[in-house]
């Protein structure tokens, strides 16, 4: 993530249009970005909460460099670093040849594969590593239309997940939800960003209810980084998000959040999030992270990714807590703890 990422932009109202071509690569829009850091991404995930299992799959294209990064990771419980996962196979420098015919039907060098069966309705991912007895096949079925940003460079979509996972020789059924996303036509330079950690939070409680939010914590509350970022404000905490409820999609306009992190790896453990939607209704959501793994696909940042159990108005849901932490934060908190 960088200054070119949606996750650092100001929150917006409204939703953009989309069509089936947005499941494909975006050469026309990408052509307007000359930077070597031009990015196009495709993210999916799945979870098996009853076994504390979480999975993430990713495609990160750099069209102007001709390089693809991507693959799969699946882990059970808390893992300190990415290579401690039961399944971790992310490769950084692969040729764009793998997606020369597009990203609606491809396989990377590590066997991670994606097929768009019907745009914005049904997709499938798969992976197979016989040597480590790891494999999965997951079918994604749309629960709701995508929530596109007004600039039409990023969307999220609530999906039902069904399939099978074999993890180090043990097989599990996959039956849950995931909020996938895609971005394109952004220059994501890998800078050391002067920002508090920004969390991308997703949760699905059923086919009628889900939320998405990108934010930093509220500096008016007791947050561990307050003295490291004195310029951070409560008003600037919200970077974007929406509530989907019974067929209606609303934007959030305000957030106040606090994240409790473990003292060693700074992984989020517990979250208190209060959100206000564009109609003025307040939503209080609490989260408990059941499984967590650090990712460092961007060398100047670490992103703990966690399977989170959410509680909201008597309902339980599951989703992601992805907490982007840049160098000033991790160094600063380490030094504070050392003192």
Protein backbone atom coordinates (compact mmCIF):
# COMPACT_ATOMS: atom_id res chain seq x y z
CA UNK A 1 0.00 0.00 0.00
CA UNK A 2 1.19 3.52 -0.66
CA UNK A 3 0.13 7.04 -1.37
CA UNK A 4 -1.51 5.72 -4.54
CA UNK A 5 -3.76 3.30 -2.71
CA UNK A 6 -7.47 3.71 -2.06
CA UNK A 7 -6.84 2.76 1.56
CA UNK A 8 -5.01 6.04 2.23
CA UNK A 9 -7.48 8.28 0.42
CA UNK A 10 -10.24 10.35 2.00
CA UNK A 11 -13.57 8.60 2.48
CA UNK A 12 -16.16 9.20 -0.24
CA UNK A 13 -19.91 8.96 -0.62
CA UNK A 14 -21.73 7.12 -3.36
CA UNK A 15 -20.88 4.14 -5.54
CA UNK A 16 -19.44 3.86 -9.03
CA UNK A 17 -20.77 1.97 -12.01
CA UNK A 18 -19.36 -1.39 -13.08
CA UNK A 19 -19.70 -3.86 -15.92
CA UNK A 20 -18.43 -7.35 -16.75
CA UNK A 21 -15.15 -5.95 -18.13
CA UNK A 22 -14.14 -5.03 -14.59
CA UNK A 23 -13.45 -8.72 -13.95
CA UNK A 24 -10.69 -8.40 -16.58
CA UNK A 25 -7.46 -6.45 -16.79
CA UNK A 26 -7.80 -2.71 -17.41
CA UNK A 27 -5.22 -1.80 -20.08
CA UNK A 28 -6.98 1.43 -21.11
CA UNK A 29 -7.18 2.89 -17.60
CA UNK A 30 -3.74 1.54 -16.71
CA UNK A 31 -2.25 3.28 -19.75
CA UNK A 32 -2.89 6.64 -18.06
CA UNK A 33 -0.39 5.71 -15.31
CA UNK A 34 3.23 5.93 -16.48
CA UNK A 35 4.81 5.08 -13.11
CA UNK A 36 6.71 1.82 -12.77
CA UNK A 37 4.55 1.27 -9.66
CA UNK A 38 1.35 0.88 -11.70
CA UNK A 39 -0.68 -1.80 -9.94
CA UNK A 40 -3.61 -4.10 -10.63
CA UNK A 41 -4.71 -6.57 -7.95
CA UNK A 42 -7.15 -9.40 -7.30
CA UNK A 43 -7.83 -10.65 -3.76
CA UNK A 44 -9.86 -13.59 -2.44
CA UNK A 45 -10.04 -15.25 0.95
CA UNK A 46 -11.83 -17.98 2.86
CA UNK A 47 -12.10 -19.18 6.43
CA UNK A 48 -13.16 -22.14 8.54
CA UNK A 49 -13.85 -20.45 11.89
CA UNK A 50 -14.66 -23.62 13.82
CA UNK A 51 -11.05 -24.75 13.19
CA UNK A 52 -9.41 -21.27 13.46
CA UNK A 53 -8.35 -21.53 9.80
CA UNK A 54 -7.97 -18.52 7.55
CA UNK A 55 -6.85 -18.31 3.92
CA UNK A 56 -5.75 -15.54 1.60
CA UNK A 57 -5.03 -15.64 -2.13
CA UNK A 58 -3.66 -12.75 -4.13
CA UNK A 59 -2.59 -11.53 -7.53
CA UNK A 60 -0.55 -8.33 -7.74
CA UNK A 61 0.36 -7.21 -11.27
CA UNK A 62 2.89 -4.54 -12.18
CA UNK A 63 2.02 -4.07 -15.87
CA UNK A 64 4.71 -1.45 -16.54
CA UNK A 65 7.37 -3.77 -15.11
CA UNK A 66 6.01 -6.96 -16.66
CA UNK A 67 6.02 -8.69 -13.27
CA UNK A 68 3.39 -10.63 -11.32
CA UNK A 69 3.38 -11.40 -7.59
CA UNK A 70 0.91 -13.83 -6.11
CA UNK A 71 -0.14 -17.13 -4.66
CA UNK A 72 -1.82 -18.54 -1.58
CA UNK A 73 -1.48 -18.72 2.19
CA UNK A 74 -3.55 -20.69 4.71
CA UNK A 75 -2.86 -20.84 8.44
CA UNK A 76 -4.41 -22.16 11.64
CA UNK A 77 -4.39 -20.09 14.82
CA UNK A 78 -1.77 -17.45 15.59
CA UNK A 79 1.44 -17.48 13.56
CA UNK A 80 4.16 -14.90 14.12
CA UNK A 81 5.68 -14.71 10.64
CA UNK A 82 4.42 -15.63 7.20
CA UNK A 83 6.63 -18.68 6.63
CA UNK A 84 5.23 -20.34 9.77
CA UNK A 85 1.88 -20.86 8.02
CA UNK A 86 0.78 -24.40 7.22
CA UNK A 87 0.52 -23.27 3.59
CA UNK A 88 2.55 -20.35 2.30
CA UNK A 89 3.41 -20.04 -1.37
CA UNK A 90 3.66 -16.41 -2.47
CA UNK A 91 6.13 -15.66 -5.25
CA UNK A 92 7.33 -12.15 -5.96
CA UNK A 93 8.84 -12.09 -9.46
CA UNK A 94 6.83 -14.08 -11.97
CA UNK A 95 6.37 -13.30 -15.63
CA UNK A 96 3.23 -11.61 -16.92
CA UNK A 97 3.05 -14.51 -19.38
CA UNK A 98 0.82 -16.34 -16.90
CA UNK A 99 -1.90 -13.73 -17.44
CA UNK A 100 -1.21 -12.86 -21.06
CA UNK A 101 -4.75 -14.00 -21.91
CA UNK A 102 -6.25 -12.12 -18.95
CA UNK A 103 -7.10 -12.76 -15.33
CA UNK A 104 -10.44 -14.48 -15.88
CA UNK A 105 -8.77 -17.88 -16.40
CA UNK A 106 -5.11 -18.33 -15.42
CA UNK A 107 -2.62 -20.37 -13.40
CA UNK A 108 0.54 -19.00 -11.81
CA UNK A 109 3.86 -20.85 -11.59
CA UNK A 110 3.02 -22.04 -8.07
CA UNK A 111 -0.26 -23.63 -9.31
CA UNK A 112 -2.56 -20.96 -7.84
CA UNK A 113 -5.42 -20.63 -10.33
CA UNK A 114 -8.49 -18.45 -10.85
CA UNK A 115 -11.43 -18.90 -13.18
CA UNK A 116 -14.28 -16.42 -13.66
CA UNK A 117 -17.24 -18.65 -14.42
CA UNK A 118 -19.78 -15.82 -14.64
CA UNK A 119 -18.62 -12.23 -14.07
CA UNK A 120 -19.58 -10.84 -10.66
CA UNK A 121 -21.63 -13.95 -9.94
CA UNK A 122 -19.48 -17.10 -9.80
CA UNK A 123 -15.69 -17.54 -9.59
CA UNK A 124 -13.36 -20.34 -8.55
CA UNK A 125 -9.85 -20.50 -7.06
CA UNK A 126 -7.61 -23.53 -6.61
CA UNK A 127 -4.14 -24.59 -5.50
CA UNK A 128 -2.27 -27.89 -5.24
CA UNK A 129 1.05 -28.82 -3.58
CA UNK A 130 1.23 -32.63 -3.29
CA UNK A 131 4.67 -32.55 -1.64
CA UNK A 132 3.25 -30.80 1.42
CA UNK A 133 -0.23 -32.30 1.16
CA UNK A 134 -1.80 -28.87 0.68
CA UNK A 135 -4.63 -28.16 -1.72
CA UNK A 136 -7.89 -26.28 -2.04
CA UNK A 137 -10.70 -25.52 -4.43
CA UNK A 138 -13.14 -22.77 -3.53
CA UNK A 139 -16.22 -21.59 -5.41
CA UNK A 140 -17.28 -17.99 -4.81
CA UNK A 141 -20.94 -17.09 -5.37
CA UNK A 142 -22.07 -13.47 -5.18
CA UNK A 143 -24.30 -12.43 -2.29
CA UNK A 144 -24.64 -8.82 -3.49
CA UNK A 145 -23.45 -6.63 -6.38
CA UNK A 146 -19.96 -5.13 -6.04
CA UNK A 147 -19.47 -1.86 -4.18
CA UNK A 148 -17.43 0.17 -6.64
CA UNK A 149 -15.63 3.37 -5.67
CA UNK A 150 -16.87 6.42 -7.60
CA UNK A 151 -13.51 6.67 -9.41
CA UNK A 152 -14.10 3.13 -10.70
CA UNK A 153 -10.65 1.90 -9.68
CA UNK A 154 -11.57 -0.39 -6.80
CA UNK A 155 -14.45 -2.59 -5.68
CA UNK A 156 -15.36 -5.02 -2.91
CA UNK A 157 -17.96 -7.78 -3.14
CA UNK A 158 -19.62 -10.08 -0.61
CA UNK A 159 -19.26 -13.72 -1.64
CA UNK A 160 -20.39 -17.08 -0.32
CA UNK A 161 -17.50 -19.58 -0.18
CA UNK A 162 -17.92 -23.32 -0.71
CA UNK A 163 -15.29 -25.96 -1.33
CA UNK A 164 -12.63 -28.14 0.23
CA UNK A 165 -9.24 -27.55 1.84
CA UNK A 166 -6.51 -30.10 2.48
CA UNK A 167 -4.03 -28.64 4.95
CA UNK A 168 -0.91 -30.70 5.73
CA UNK A 169 -2.85 -33.84 4.88
CA UNK A 170 -6.05 -33.09 6.82
CA UNK A 171 -9.21 -32.26 4.85
CA UNK A 172 -11.82 -29.64 5.82
CA UNK A 173 -15.06 -28.42 4.26
CA UNK A 174 -15.27 -24.73 3.35
CA UNK A 175 -18.69 -23.16 3.85
CA UNK A 176 -18.79 -19.49 4.74
CA UNK A 177 -18.38 -15.95 3.40
CA UNK A 178 -15.63 -13.66 2.15
CA UNK A 179 -15.47 -10.07 0.94
CA UNK A 180 -13.17 -10.07 -2.08
CA UNK A 181 -11.68 -6.97 -3.70
CA UNK A 182 -9.92 -5.67 -6.79
CA UNK A 183 -7.95 -2.51 -7.62
CA UNK A 184 -6.35 -1.09 -10.77
CA UNK A 185 -4.89 2.04 -12.36
CA UNK A 186 -3.05 3.09 -9.19
CA UNK A 187 0.67 3.76 -8.68
CA UNK A 188 1.48 2.02 -5.40
CA UNK A 189 5.03 3.02 -4.60
CA UNK A 190 6.46 1.08 -1.68
CA UNK A 191 7.33 4.04 0.51
CA UNK A 192 7.60 4.18 4.30
CA UNK A 193 4.28 5.93 4.88
CA UNK A 194 4.01 8.43 7.75
CA UNK A 195 0.65 7.13 8.96
CA UNK A 196 -0.71 5.21 11.90
CA UNK A 197 -1.66 1.61 11.06
CA UNK A 198 -4.65 1.47 8.74
CA UNK A 199 -6.95 -1.49 9.19
CA UNK A 200 -9.07 -2.98 6.40
CA UNK A 201 -11.97 -4.61 8.21
CA UNK A 202 -14.61 -6.89 6.71
CA UNK A 203 -17.38 -8.92 8.28
CA UNK A 204 -20.32 -10.95 7.00
CA UNK A 205 -23.15 -12.06 9.29
CA UNK A 206 -25.30 -13.74 6.65
CA UNK A 207 -26.60 -13.06 3.17
CA UNK A 208 -28.54 -10.06 4.51
CA UNK A 209 -25.83 -8.27 6.49
CA UNK A 210 -22.15 -7.35 5.98
CA UNK A 211 -19.77 -4.43 6.44
CA UNK A 212 -16.46 -3.11 5.16
CA UNK A 213 -14.32 -0.36 6.68
CA UNK A 214 -10.84 1.06 6.16
CA UNK A 215 -9.67 3.26 9.02
CA UNK A 216 -7.03 4.13 11.56
CA UNK A 217 -7.80 4.19 15.27
CA UNK A 218 -9.30 7.20 16.98
CA UNK A 219 -6.45 9.27 18.50
CA UNK A 220 -8.94 10.75 20.98
CA UNK A 221 -8.98 7.36 22.68
CA UNK A 222 -6.22 5.45 24.45
CA UNK A 223 -4.24 4.26 21.41
CA UNK A 224 -0.64 3.09 21.68
CA UNK A 225 0.64 5.26 18.81
CA UNK A 226 -0.82 8.63 19.85
CA UNK A 227 2.55 10.31 20.56
CA UNK A 228 4.08 8.90 17.37
CA UNK A 229 1.52 10.61 15.10
CA UNK A 230 0.42 13.86 16.78
CA UNK A 231 -1.00 15.10 13.47
CA UNK A 232 -3.56 12.27 13.26
CA UNK A 233 -7.16 13.35 13.85
CA UNK A 234 -10.41 11.64 14.71
CA UNK A 235 -12.05 13.29 11.70
CA UNK A 236 -9.46 11.77 9.36
CA UNK A 237 -9.68 8.25 10.72
CA UNK A 238 -12.20 6.93 8.18
CA UNK A 239 -10.74 6.02 4.78
CA UNK A 240 -13.86 4.35 3.41
CA UNK A 241 -16.44 1.68 3.98
CA UNK A 242 -20.03 0.57 3.66
CA UNK A 243 -22.85 -1.32 5.32
CA UNK A 244 -24.93 -3.86 3.41
CA UNK A 245 -28.24 -4.66 5.06
CA UNK A 246 -31.27 -6.35 3.51
CA UNK A 247 -30.39 -5.31 -0.01
CA UNK A 248 -29.39 -1.71 0.78
CA UNK A 249 -25.81 -0.45 0.54
CA UNK A 250 -24.87 2.63 2.58
CA UNK A 251 -21.58 4.47 2.97
CA UNK A 252 -20.06 5.10 6.38
CA UNK A 253 -19.29 8.74 7.23
CA UNK A 254 -17.59 8.43 10.62
CA UNK A 255 -15.60 5.89 12.63
CA UNK A 256 -14.13 5.62 16.12
CA UNK A 257 -12.05 2.49 16.65
CA UNK A 258 -9.58 1.03 19.12
CA UNK A 259 -7.44 -2.04 18.46
CA UNK A 260 -5.78 -4.13 21.15
CA UNK A 261 -2.58 -5.69 19.77
CA UNK A 262 -0.33 -8.39 21.15
CA UNK A 263 2.90 -6.98 22.64
CA UNK A 264 5.38 -9.06 20.61
CA UNK A 265 4.30 -9.04 16.95
CA UNK A 266 1.70 -6.23 17.27
CA UNK A 267 -1.01 -8.40 15.73
CA UNK A 268 -4.56 -7.15 16.38
CA UNK A 269 -6.31 -9.27 19.01
CA UNK A 270 -9.47 -7.36 19.91
CA UNK A 271 -11.30 -4.47 18.25
CA UNK A 272 -13.99 -2.00 19.27
CA UNK A 273 -15.45 -0.19 16.25
CA UNK A 274 -18.22 2.41 16.22
CA UNK A 275 -19.45 3.45 12.78
CA UNK A 276 -21.97 6.01 11.62
CA UNK A 277 -23.67 5.54 8.25
CA UNK A 278 -24.86 8.23 5.85
CA UNK A 279 -28.39 8.08 7.31
CA UNK A 280 -27.05 8.93 10.77
CA UNK A 281 -27.44 5.48 12.33
CA UNK A 282 -24.67 4.29 14.67
CA UNK A 283 -23.31 0.73 14.57
CA UNK A 284 -21.18 -0.70 17.40
CA UNK A 285 -19.20 -3.79 16.36
CA UNK A 286 -16.70 -5.75 18.44
CA UNK A 287 -14.11 -8.13 17.01
CA UNK A 288 -11.94 -10.95 18.32
CA UNK A 289 -9.11 -12.25 16.13
CA UNK A 290 -9.00 -16.08 16.12
CA UNK A 291 -6.11 -16.63 13.70
CA UNK A 292 -3.39 -14.30 12.47
CA UNK A 293 -0.39 -14.25 10.14
CA UNK A 294 2.01 -11.45 9.18
CA UNK A 295 2.51 -10.60 5.53
CA UNK A 296 5.26 -8.44 4.08
CA UNK A 297 4.55 -8.31 0.36
CA UNK A 298 5.44 -4.62 0.62
CA UNK A 299 8.98 -4.59 2.12
CA UNK A 300 8.46 -1.31 4.02
CA UNK A 301 5.27 -2.55 5.67
CA UNK A 302 4.03 -5.51 7.65
CA UNK A 303 0.36 -6.49 7.42
CA UNK A 304 -0.97 -8.91 10.03
CA UNK A 305 -4.03 -10.59 8.50
CA UNK A 306 -6.51 -12.07 10.94
CA UNK A 307 -9.65 -14.18 10.91
CA UNK A 308 -11.98 -12.07 13.03
CA UNK A 309 -15.17 -13.06 14.84
CA UNK A 310 -17.49 -10.04 14.89
CA UNK A 311 -20.39 -9.39 17.26
CA UNK A 312 -23.12 -6.95 16.22
CA UNK A 313 -26.59 -6.56 17.70
CA UNK A 314 -26.79 -10.14 18.88
CA UNK A 315 -25.40 -11.64 15.65
CA UNK A 316 -22.02 -13.28 15.02
CA UNK A 317 -20.13 -12.93 11.76
CA UNK A 318 -16.63 -13.51 10.42
CA UNK A 319 -14.20 -11.69 8.19
CA UNK A 320 -10.82 -10.02 7.88
CA UNK A 321 -8.73 -7.66 9.96
CA UNK A 322 -5.81 -6.57 7.77
CA UNK A 323 -3.69 -4.08 9.72
CA UNK A 324 -1.16 -2.22 7.54
CA UNK A 325 1.79 -1.18 9.72
CA UNK A 326 4.64 0.92 8.36
CA UNK A 327 8.17 1.31 9.72
CA UNK A 328 7.63 4.37 11.92
CA UNK A 329 4.91 2.53 13.83
CA UNK A 330 6.67 -0.77 14.39
CA UNK A 331 10.00 0.88 15.23
CA UNK A 332 8.35 3.45 17.48
CA UNK A 333 6.29 0.92 19.47
CA UNK A 334 9.28 -1.41 19.78
CA UNK A 335 11.38 1.40 21.25
CA UNK A 336 8.58 2.42 23.65
CA UNK A 337 8.24 -1.17 24.88
CA UNK A 338 12.01 -1.50 25.24
CA UNK A 339 12.15 1.64 27.39
